[in-house]
Structures are given as C-alpha cells and as structure tokens.
Amino acid sequence: METEQAKRFIVKKLFHHGYIGGRHTDSENLKKGLPGHFKGDIKKAAEELISEEILIPKRTSYGLHVSLNPRKREVIEKYLC
C-alpha cells in the first residue's frame, strides 16, 4: 500500500467514526480492517500525518491516541475526495 493510500484510509476512517478534535481513539485501532502486511504502512502513514499536524496525538497512561485536527479541515477534505 502506498503511503498516500494509507493516509487516505486513516483520514477516512477517523472522519467516518467522528474522531475529530476532542474525541480520540487508540492508534492501534487504525490498523483494524486491513491485512497484516499493510500494518507497517499504516504506522508510517500515521507518523507522517502527525508530523504534518493533520492528526493530533494524545498521550495517555495506556498508550497513544489520535484524532483529526479540526484546524486542518481543507487538507482533510482533500483526503476524503
């Protein structure tokens, strides 16, 4: 899976489930629904989305959680098309 495809998958999944702003999910949930050989691609794409500030990381006592950054709405909409 290409990095751009993986990014699109992550953004669509989070948007569809409403993980925007204050509502967040475990980063391990991003990999669900994909075959095992794509899971490394998803992790790399998530790291890139965090560095681009499209995903907001939230450190919790039980792991890393993520949500979509509502301030990056224009960029998010490009991934949804």
PDB file of N, CA and C in Angstrom:
ATOM      1  N   MET A   1       0.843  -1.175   0.000  1.00  0.00           N
ATOM      2  CA  MET A   1       0.000   0.000   0.000  1.00  0.00           C
ATOM      3  C   MET A   1       0.888   1.238   0.000  1.00  0.00           C
ATOM      4  N   GLU A   2       0.584   2.171  -0.864  1.00  0.00           N
ATOM      5  CA  GLU A   2       1.319   3.424  -0.912  1.00  0.00           C
ATOM      6  C   GLU A   2       1.059   4.246   0.346  1.00  0.00           C
ATOM      7  N   THR A   3       1.967   5.133   0.633  1.00  0.00           N
ATOM      8  CA  THR A   3       1.804   5.995   1.811  1.00  0.00           C
ATOM      9  C   THR A   3       0.573   6.879   1.659  1.00  0.00           C
ATOM     10  N   GLU A   4       0.339   7.415   0.467  1.00  0.00           N
ATOM     11  CA  GLU A   4      -0.827   8.280   0.252  1.00  0.00           C
ATOM     12  C   GLU A   4      -2.133   7.502   0.428  1.00  0.00           C
ATOM     13  N   GLN A   5      -2.160   6.256  -0.037  1.00  0.00           N
ATOM     14  CA  GLN A   5      -3.347   5.424   0.153  1.00  0.00           C
ATOM     15  C   GLN A   5      -3.578   5.153   1.630  1.00  0.00           C
ATOM     16  N   ALA A   6      -2.509   4.885   2.352  1.00  0.00           N
ATOM     17  CA  ALA A   6      -2.610   4.623   3.784  1.00  0.00           C
ATOM     18  C   ALA A   6      -3.103   5.867   4.519  1.00  0.00           C
ATOM     19  N   LYS A   7      -2.597   7.040   4.135  1.00  0.00           N
ATOM     20  CA  LYS A   7      -3.049   8.291   4.749  1.00  0.00           C
ATOM     21  C   LYS A   7      -4.538   8.497   4.492  1.00  0.00           C
ATOM     22  N   ARG A   8      -4.957   8.253   3.252  1.00  0.00           N
ATOM     23  CA  ARG A   8      -6.363   8.415   2.885  1.00  0.00           C
ATOM     24  C   ARG A   8      -7.234   7.456   3.714  1.00  0.00           C
ATOM     25  N   PHE A   9      -6.771   6.213   3.880  1.00  0.00           N
ATOM     26  CA  PHE A   9      -7.501   5.224   4.665  1.00  0.00           C
ATOM     27  C   PHE A   9      -7.684   5.705   6.104  1.00  0.00           C
ATOM     28  N   ILE A  10      -6.610   6.214   6.709  1.00  0.00           N
ATOM     29  CA  ILE A  10      -6.654   6.677   8.097  1.00  0.00           C
ATOM     30  C   ILE A  10      -7.611   7.853   8.250  1.00  0.00           C
ATOM     31  N   VAL A  11      -7.473   8.857   7.377  1.00  0.00           N
ATOM     32  CA  VAL A  11      -8.312  10.056   7.475  1.00  0.00           C
ATOM     33  C   VAL A  11      -9.783   9.695   7.273  1.00  0.00           C
ATOM     34  N   LYS A  12     -10.087   8.862   6.283  1.00  0.00           N
ATOM     35  CA  LYS A  12     -11.475   8.467   6.042  1.00  0.00           C
ATOM     36  C   LYS A  12     -12.039   7.707   7.234  1.00  0.00           C
ATOM     37  N   LYS A  13     -11.252   6.815   7.806  1.00  0.00           N
ATOM     38  CA  LYS A  13     -11.715   6.016   8.932  1.00  0.00           C
ATOM     39  C   LYS A  13     -12.014   6.904  10.143  1.00  0.00           C
ATOM     40  N   LEU A  14     -11.101   7.795  10.477  1.00  0.00           N
ATOM     41  CA  LEU A  14     -11.308   8.672  11.620  1.00  0.00           C
ATOM     42  C   LEU A  14     -12.483   9.617  11.388  1.00  0.00           C
ATOM     43  N   PHE A  15     -12.596  10.158  10.178  1.00  0.00           N
ATOM     44  CA  PHE A  15     -13.690  11.073   9.859  1.00  0.00           C
ATOM     45  C   PHE A  15     -15.034  10.362   9.936  1.00  0.00           C
ATOM     46  N   HIS A  16     -15.097   9.163   9.366  1.00  0.00           N
ATOM     47  CA  HIS A  16     -16.337   8.380   9.350  1.00  0.00           C
ATOM     48  C   HIS A  16     -16.827   8.085  10.767  1.00  0.00           C
ATOM     49  N   HIS A  17     -15.916   7.803  11.675  1.00  0.00           N
ATOM     50  CA  HIS A  17     -16.277   7.472  13.052  1.00  0.00           C
ATOM     51  C   HIS A  17     -16.359   8.706  13.959  1.00  0.00           C
ATOM     52  N   GLY A  18     -16.071   9.882  13.425  1.00  0.00           N
ATOM     53  CA  GLY A  18     -16.230  11.120  14.181  1.00  0.00           C
ATOM     54  C   GLY A  18     -15.111  11.428  15.160  1.00  0.00           C
ATOM     55  N   TYR A  19     -13.909  10.915  14.883  1.00  0.00           N
ATOM     56  CA  TYR A  19     -12.769  11.186  15.762  1.00  0.00           C
ATOM     57  C   TYR A  19     -12.106  12.494  15.340  1.00  0.00           C
ATOM     58  N   ILE A  20     -12.753  13.601  15.688  1.00  0.00           N
ATOM     59  CA  ILE A  20     -12.279  14.929  15.314  1.00  0.00           C
ATOM     60  C   ILE A  20     -12.173  15.764  16.584  1.00  0.00           C
ATOM     61  N   GLY A  21     -11.043  16.433  16.757  1.00  0.00           N
ATOM     62  CA  GLY A  21     -10.872  17.310  17.911  1.00  0.00           C
ATOM     63  C   GLY A  21     -10.731  16.541  19.209  1.00  0.00           C
ATOM     64  N   GLY A  22     -11.678  16.739  20.133  1.00  0.00           N
ATOM     65  CA  GLY A  22     -11.590  16.164  21.466  1.00  0.00           C
ATOM     66  C   GLY A  22     -11.870  14.681  21.546  1.00  0.00           C
ATOM     67  N   ARG A  23     -12.523  14.109  20.563  1.00  0.00           N
ATOM     68  CA  ARG A  23     -12.815  12.681  20.569  1.00  0.00           C
ATOM     69  C   ARG A  23     -11.661  11.952  19.904  1.00  0.00           C
ATOM     70  N   HIS A  24     -11.071  10.987  20.592  1.00  0.00           N
ATOM     71  CA  HIS A  24      -9.886  10.312  20.073  1.00  0.00           C
ATOM     72  C   HIS A  24     -10.008   8.807  20.219  1.00  0.00           C
ATOM     73  N   THR A  25      -9.149   8.086  19.508  1.00  0.00           N
ATOM     74  CA  THR A  25      -9.132   6.628  19.545  1.00  0.00           C
ATOM     75  C   THR A  25      -7.692   6.135  19.643  1.00  0.00           C
ATOM     76  N   ASP A  26      -7.538   4.925  20.100  1.00  0.00           N
ATOM     77  CA  ASP A  26      -6.225   4.305  20.218  1.00  0.00           C
ATOM     78  C   ASP A  26      -5.590   4.184  18.825  1.00  0.00           C
ATOM     79  N   SER A  27      -4.328   4.479  18.727  1.00  0.00           N
ATOM     80  CA  SER A  27      -3.648   4.408  17.427  1.00  0.00           C
ATOM     81  C   SER A  27      -3.621   2.981  16.882  1.00  0.00           C
ATOM     82  N   GLU A  28      -3.746   1.991  17.737  1.00  0.00           N
ATOM     83  CA  GLU A  28      -3.791   0.596  17.283  1.00  0.00           C
ATOM     84  C   GLU A  28      -5.065   0.307  16.498  1.00  0.00           C
ATOM     85  N   ASN A  29      -6.120   1.070  16.739  1.00  0.00           N
ATOM     86  CA  ASN A  29      -7.378   0.864  16.021  1.00  0.00           C
ATOM     87  C   ASN A  29      -7.290   1.278  14.556  1.00  0.00           C
ATOM     88  N   LEU A  30      -6.279   2.055  14.199  1.00  0.00           N
ATOM     89  CA  LEU A  30      -6.124   2.481  12.808  1.00  0.00           C
ATOM     90  C   LEU A  30      -5.840   1.294  11.904  1.00  0.00           C
ATOM     91  N   LYS A  31      -5.232   0.265  12.446  1.00  0.00           N
ATOM     92  CA  LYS A  31      -4.822  -0.901  11.659  1.00  0.00           C
ATOM     93  C   LYS A  31      -5.944  -1.904  11.450  1.00  0.00           C
ATOM     94  N   LYS A  32      -6.988  -1.801  12.221  1.00  0.00           N
ATOM     95  CA  LYS A  32      -8.077  -2.765  12.140  1.00  0.00           C
ATOM     96  C   LYS A  32      -8.751  -2.712  10.778  1.00  0.00           C
ATOM     97  N   GLY A  33      -9.101  -3.861  10.269  1.00  0.00           N
ATOM     98  CA  GLY A  33      -9.795  -3.946   8.995  1.00  0.00           C
ATOM     99  C   GLY A  33      -8.869  -4.112   7.807  1.00  0.00           C
ATOM    100  N   LEU A  34      -7.569  -4.230   8.049  1.00  0.00           N
ATOM    101  CA  LEU A  34      -6.598  -4.401   6.966  1.00  0.00           C
ATOM    102  C   LEU A  34      -5.833  -5.706   7.147  1.00  0.00           C
ATOM    103  N   PRO A  35      -5.365  -6.291   6.064  1.00  0.00           N
ATOM    104  CA  PRO A  35      -4.499  -7.465   6.184  1.00  0.00           C
ATOM    105  C   PRO A  35      -3.205  -7.121   6.928  1.00  0.00           C
ATOM    106  N   GLY A  36      -2.606  -8.093   7.545  1.00  0.00           N
ATOM    107  CA  GLY A  36      -1.421  -7.896   8.364  1.00  0.00           C
ATOM    108  C   GLY A  36      -0.252  -7.250   7.654  1.00  0.00           C
ATOM    109  N   HIS A  37      -0.084  -7.518   6.369  1.00  0.00           N
ATOM    110  CA  HIS A  37       1.078  -6.971   5.667  1.00  0.00           C
ATOM    111  C   HIS A  37       0.959  -5.469   5.385  1.00  0.00           C
ATOM    112  N   PHE A  38      -0.178  -4.852   5.653  1.00  0.00           N
ATOM    113  CA  PHE A  38      -0.330  -3.406   5.481  1.00  0.00           C
ATOM    114  C   PHE A  38      -0.115  -2.636   6.776  1.00  0.00           C
ATOM    115  N   LYS A  39      -0.004  -3.311   7.888  1.00  0.00           N
ATOM    116  CA  LYS A  39       0.018  -2.635   9.185  1.00  0.00           C
ATOM    117  C   LYS A  39       1.242  -1.750   9.381  1.00  0.00           C
ATOM    118  N   GLY A  40       2.383  -2.113   8.826  1.00  0.00           N
ATOM    119  CA  GLY A  40       3.567  -1.255   8.899  1.00  0.00           C
ATOM    120  C   GLY A  40       3.376   0.031   8.118  1.00  0.00           C
ATOM    121  N   ASP A  41       2.687  -0.075   6.972  1.00  0.00           N
ATOM    122  CA  ASP A  41       2.404   1.113   6.156  1.00  0.00           C
ATOM    123  C   ASP A  41       1.494   2.085   6.903  1.00  0.00           C
ATOM    124  N   ILE A  42       0.533   1.547   7.634  1.00  0.00           N
ATOM    125  CA  ILE A  42      -0.399   2.393   8.390  1.00  0.00           C
ATOM    126  C   ILE A  42       0.345   3.129   9.496  1.00  0.00           C
ATOM    127  N   LYS A  43       1.247   2.433  10.175  1.00  0.00           N
ATOM    128  CA  LYS A  43       2.007   3.072  11.252  1.00  0.00           C
ATOM    129  C   LYS A  43       2.856   4.215  10.704  1.00  0.00           C
ATOM    130  N   LYS A  44       3.526   3.989   9.569  1.00  0.00           N
ATOM    131  CA  LYS A  44       4.358   5.018   8.953  1.00  0.00           C
ATOM    132  C   LYS A  44       3.509   6.210   8.499  1.00  0.00           C
ATOM    133  N   ALA A  45       2.357   5.919   7.889  1.00  0.00           N
ATOM    134  CA  ALA A  45       1.475   6.989   7.420  1.00  0.00           C
ATOM    135  C   ALA A  45       0.938   7.809   8.594  1.00  0.00           C
ATOM    136  N   ALA A  46       0.608   7.138   9.700  1.00  0.00           N
ATOM    137  CA  ALA A  46       0.110   7.855  10.880  1.00  0.00           C
ATOM    138  C   ALA A  46       1.186   8.782  11.440  1.00  0.00           C
ATOM    139  N   GLU A  47       2.425   8.315  11.454  1.00  0.00           N
ATOM    140  CA  GLU A  47       3.527   9.163  11.930  1.00  0.00           C
ATOM    141  C   GLU A  47       3.687  10.391  11.039  1.00  0.00           C
ATOM    142  N   GLU A  48       3.543  10.207   9.727  1.00  0.00           N
ATOM    143  CA  GLU A  48       3.639  11.343   8.808  1.00  0.00           C
ATOM    144  C   GLU A  48       2.476  12.315   9.001  1.00  0.00           C
ATOM    145  N   LEU A  49       1.269  11.789   9.224  1.00  0.00           N
ATOM    146  CA  LEU A  49       0.112  12.658   9.447  1.00  0.00           C
ATOM    147  C   LEU A  49       0.264  13.446  10.744  1.00  0.00           C
ATOM    148  N   ILE A  50       0.880  12.840  11.753  1.00  0.00           N
ATOM    149  CA  ILE A  50       1.136  13.562  12.997  1.00  0.00           C
ATOM    150  C   ILE A  50       2.152  14.675  12.763  1.00  0.00           C
ATOM    151  N   SER A  51       3.205  14.372  11.997  1.00  0.00           N
ATOM    152  CA  SER A  51       4.220  15.406  11.725  1.00  0.00           C
ATOM    153  C   SER A  51       3.655  16.540  10.862  1.00  0.00           C
ATOM    154  N   GLU A  52       2.671  16.242  10.019  1.00  0.00           N
ATOM    155  CA  GLU A  52       2.007  17.264   9.204  1.00  0.00           C
ATOM    156  C   GLU A  52       0.898  17.973   9.977  1.00  0.00           C
ATOM    157  N   GLU A  53       0.680  17.586  11.225  1.00  0.00           N
ATOM    158  CA  GLU A  53      -0.327  18.144  12.122  1.00  0.00           C
ATOM    159  C   GLU A  53      -1.755  17.919  11.644  1.00  0.00           C
ATOM    160  N   ILE A  54      -1.969  16.897  10.818  1.00  0.00           N
ATOM    161  CA  ILE A  54      -3.319  16.522  10.417  1.00  0.00           C
ATOM    162  C   ILE A  54      -3.939  15.659  11.516  1.00  0.00           C
ATOM    163  N   LEU A  55      -3.123  14.838  12.149  1.00  0.00           N
ATOM    164  CA  LEU A  55      -3.552  14.068  13.316  1.00  0.00           C
ATOM    165  C   LEU A  55      -3.015  14.736  14.570  1.00  0.00           C
ATOM    166  N   ILE A  56      -3.840  14.748  15.603  1.00  0.00           N
ATOM    167  CA  ILE A  56      -3.431  15.271  16.896  1.00  0.00           C
ATOM    168  C   ILE A  56      -3.100  14.077  17.791  1.00  0.00           C
ATOM    169  N   PRO A  57      -1.859  13.957  18.257  1.00  0.00           N
ATOM    170  CA  PRO A  57      -1.532  12.861  19.177  1.00  0.00           C
ATOM    171  C   PRO A  57      -1.937  13.220  20.605  1.00  0.00           C
ATOM    172  N   LYS A  58      -2.396  12.232  21.331  1.00  0.00           N
ATOM    173  CA  LYS A  58      -2.740  12.428  22.744  1.00  0.00           C
ATOM    174  C   LYS A  58      -2.122  11.275  23.517  1.00  0.00           C
ATOM    175  N   ARG A  59      -1.159  11.584  24.342  1.00  0.00           N
ATOM    176  CA  ARG A  59      -0.512  10.570  25.172  1.00  0.00           C
ATOM    177  C   ARG A  59      -1.413  10.272  26.364  1.00  0.00           C
ATOM    178  N   THR A  60      -1.713   9.000  26.559  1.00  0.00           N
ATOM    179  CA  THR A  60      -2.491   8.580  27.717  1.00  0.00           C
ATOM    180  C   THR A  60      -1.662   7.594  28.516  1.00  0.00           C
ATOM    181  N   SER A  61      -2.139   7.245  29.693  1.00  0.00           N
ATOM    182  CA  SER A  61      -1.405   6.291  30.526  1.00  0.00           C
ATOM    183  C   SER A  61      -1.418   4.898  29.908  1.00  0.00           C
ATOM    184  N   TYR A  62      -2.323   4.650  28.982  1.00  0.00           N
ATOM    185  CA  TYR A  62      -2.442   3.331  28.361  1.00  0.00           C
ATOM    186  C   TYR A  62      -2.106   3.343  26.873  1.00  0.00           C
ATOM    187  N   GLY A  63      -1.371   4.363  26.397  1.00  0.00           N
ATOM    188  CA  GLY A  63      -0.902   4.363  25.022  1.00  0.00           C
ATOM    189  C   GLY A  63      -1.205   5.655  24.283  1.00  0.00           C
ATOM    190  N   LEU A  64      -0.852   5.656  23.007  1.00  0.00           N
ATOM    191  CA  LEU A  64      -1.045   6.823  22.148  1.00  0.00           C
ATOM    192  C   LEU A  64      -2.431   6.786  21.522  1.00  0.00           C
ATOM    193  N   HIS A  65      -3.144   7.899  21.630  1.00  0.00           N
ATOM    194  CA  HIS A  65      -4.427   8.056  20.969  1.00  0.00           C
ATOM    195  C   HIS A  65      -4.300   9.172  19.948  1.00  0.00           C
ATOM    196  N   VAL A  66      -5.147   9.145  18.924  1.00  0.00           N
ATOM    197  CA  VAL A  66      -5.108  10.162  17.875  1.00  0.00           C
ATOM    198  C   VAL A  66      -6.515  10.623  17.518  1.00  0.00           C
ATOM    199  N   SER A  67      -6.582  11.834  16.957  1.00  0.00           N
ATOM    200  CA  SER A  67      -7.820  12.364  16.402  1.00  0.00           C
ATOM    201  C   SER A  67      -7.448  13.307  15.268  1.00  0.00           C
ATOM    202  N   LEU A  68      -8.426  13.640  14.443  1.00  0.00           N
ATOM    203  CA  LEU A  68      -8.195  14.578  13.353  1.00  0.00           C
ATOM    204  C   LEU A  68      -8.154  15.997  13.903  1.00  0.00           C
ATOM    205  N   ASN A  69      -7.288  16.808  13.312  1.00  0.00           N
ATOM    206  CA  ASN A  69      -7.146  18.201  13.710  1.00  0.00           C
ATOM    207  C   ASN A  69      -8.217  19.028  13.000  1.00  0.00           C
ATOM    208  N   PRO A  70      -9.184  19.599  13.744  1.00  0.00           N
ATOM    209  CA  PRO A  70     -10.245  20.370  13.085  1.00  0.00           C
ATOM    210  C   PRO A  70      -9.735  21.629  12.393  1.00  0.00           C
ATOM    211  N   ARG A  71      -8.556  22.104  12.743  1.00  0.00           N
ATOM    212  CA  ARG A  71      -7.995  23.296  12.097  1.00  0.00           C
ATOM    213  C   ARG A  71      -7.425  22.988  10.715  1.00  0.00           C
ATOM    214  N   LYS A  72      -7.297  21.713  10.364  1.00  0.00           N
ATOM    215  CA  LYS A  72      -6.766  21.313   9.056  1.00  0.00           C
ATOM    216  C   LYS A  72      -7.888  20.792   8.159  1.00  0.00           C
ATOM    217  N   ARG A  73      -9.046  21.406   8.271  1.00  0.00           N
ATOM    218  CA  ARG A  73     -10.230  20.921   7.559  1.00  0.00           C
ATOM    219  C   ARG A  73     -10.026  20.860   6.035  1.00  0.00           C
ATOM    220  N   GLU A  74      -9.359  21.866   5.456  1.00  0.00           N
ATOM    221  CA  GLU A  74      -9.166  21.877   3.995  1.00  0.00           C
ATOM    222  C   GLU A  74      -8.337  20.685   3.543  1.00  0.00           C
ATOM    223  N   VAL A  75      -7.284  20.381   4.285  1.00  0.00           N
ATOM    224  CA  VAL A  75      -6.410  19.254   3.935  1.00  0.00           C
ATOM    225  C   VAL A  75      -7.159  17.945   4.112  1.00  0.00           C
ATOM    226  N   ILE A  76      -7.944  17.847   5.170  1.00  0.00           N
ATOM    227  CA  ILE A  76      -8.723  16.631   5.428  1.00  0.00           C
ATOM    228  C   ILE A  76      -9.713  16.391   4.303  1.00  0.00           C
ATOM    229  N   GLU A  77     -10.355  17.452   3.822  1.00  0.00           N
ATOM    230  CA  GLU A  77     -11.327  17.314   2.740  1.00  0.00           C
ATOM    231  C   GLU A  77     -10.677  16.801   1.455  1.00  0.00           C
ATOM    232  N   LYS A  78      -9.418  17.141   1.222  1.00  0.00           N
ATOM    233  CA  LYS A  78      -8.701  16.633   0.035  1.00  0.00           C
ATOM    234  C   LYS A  78      -8.525  15.126   0.132  1.00  0.00           C
ATOM    235  N   TYR A  79      -8.262  14.627   1.338  1.00  0.00           N
ATOM    236  CA  TYR A  79      -8.118  13.176   1.515  1.00  0.00           C
ATOM    237  C   TYR A  79      -9.452  12.443   1.381  1.00  0.00           C
ATOM    238  N   LEU A  80     -10.542  13.118   1.656  1.00  0.00           N
ATOM    239  CA  LEU A  80     -11.868  12.481   1.593  1.00  0.00           C
ATOM    240  C   LEU A  80     -12.403  12.351   0.184  1.00  0.00           C
ATOM    241  N   CYS A  81     -11.899  13.124  -0.751  1.00  0.00           N
ATOM    242  CA  CYS A  81     -12.373  13.079  -2.141  1.00  0.00           C
ATOM    243  C   CYS A  81     -11.865  11.875  -2.881  1.00  0.00           C
TER     244      CYS A  81
END
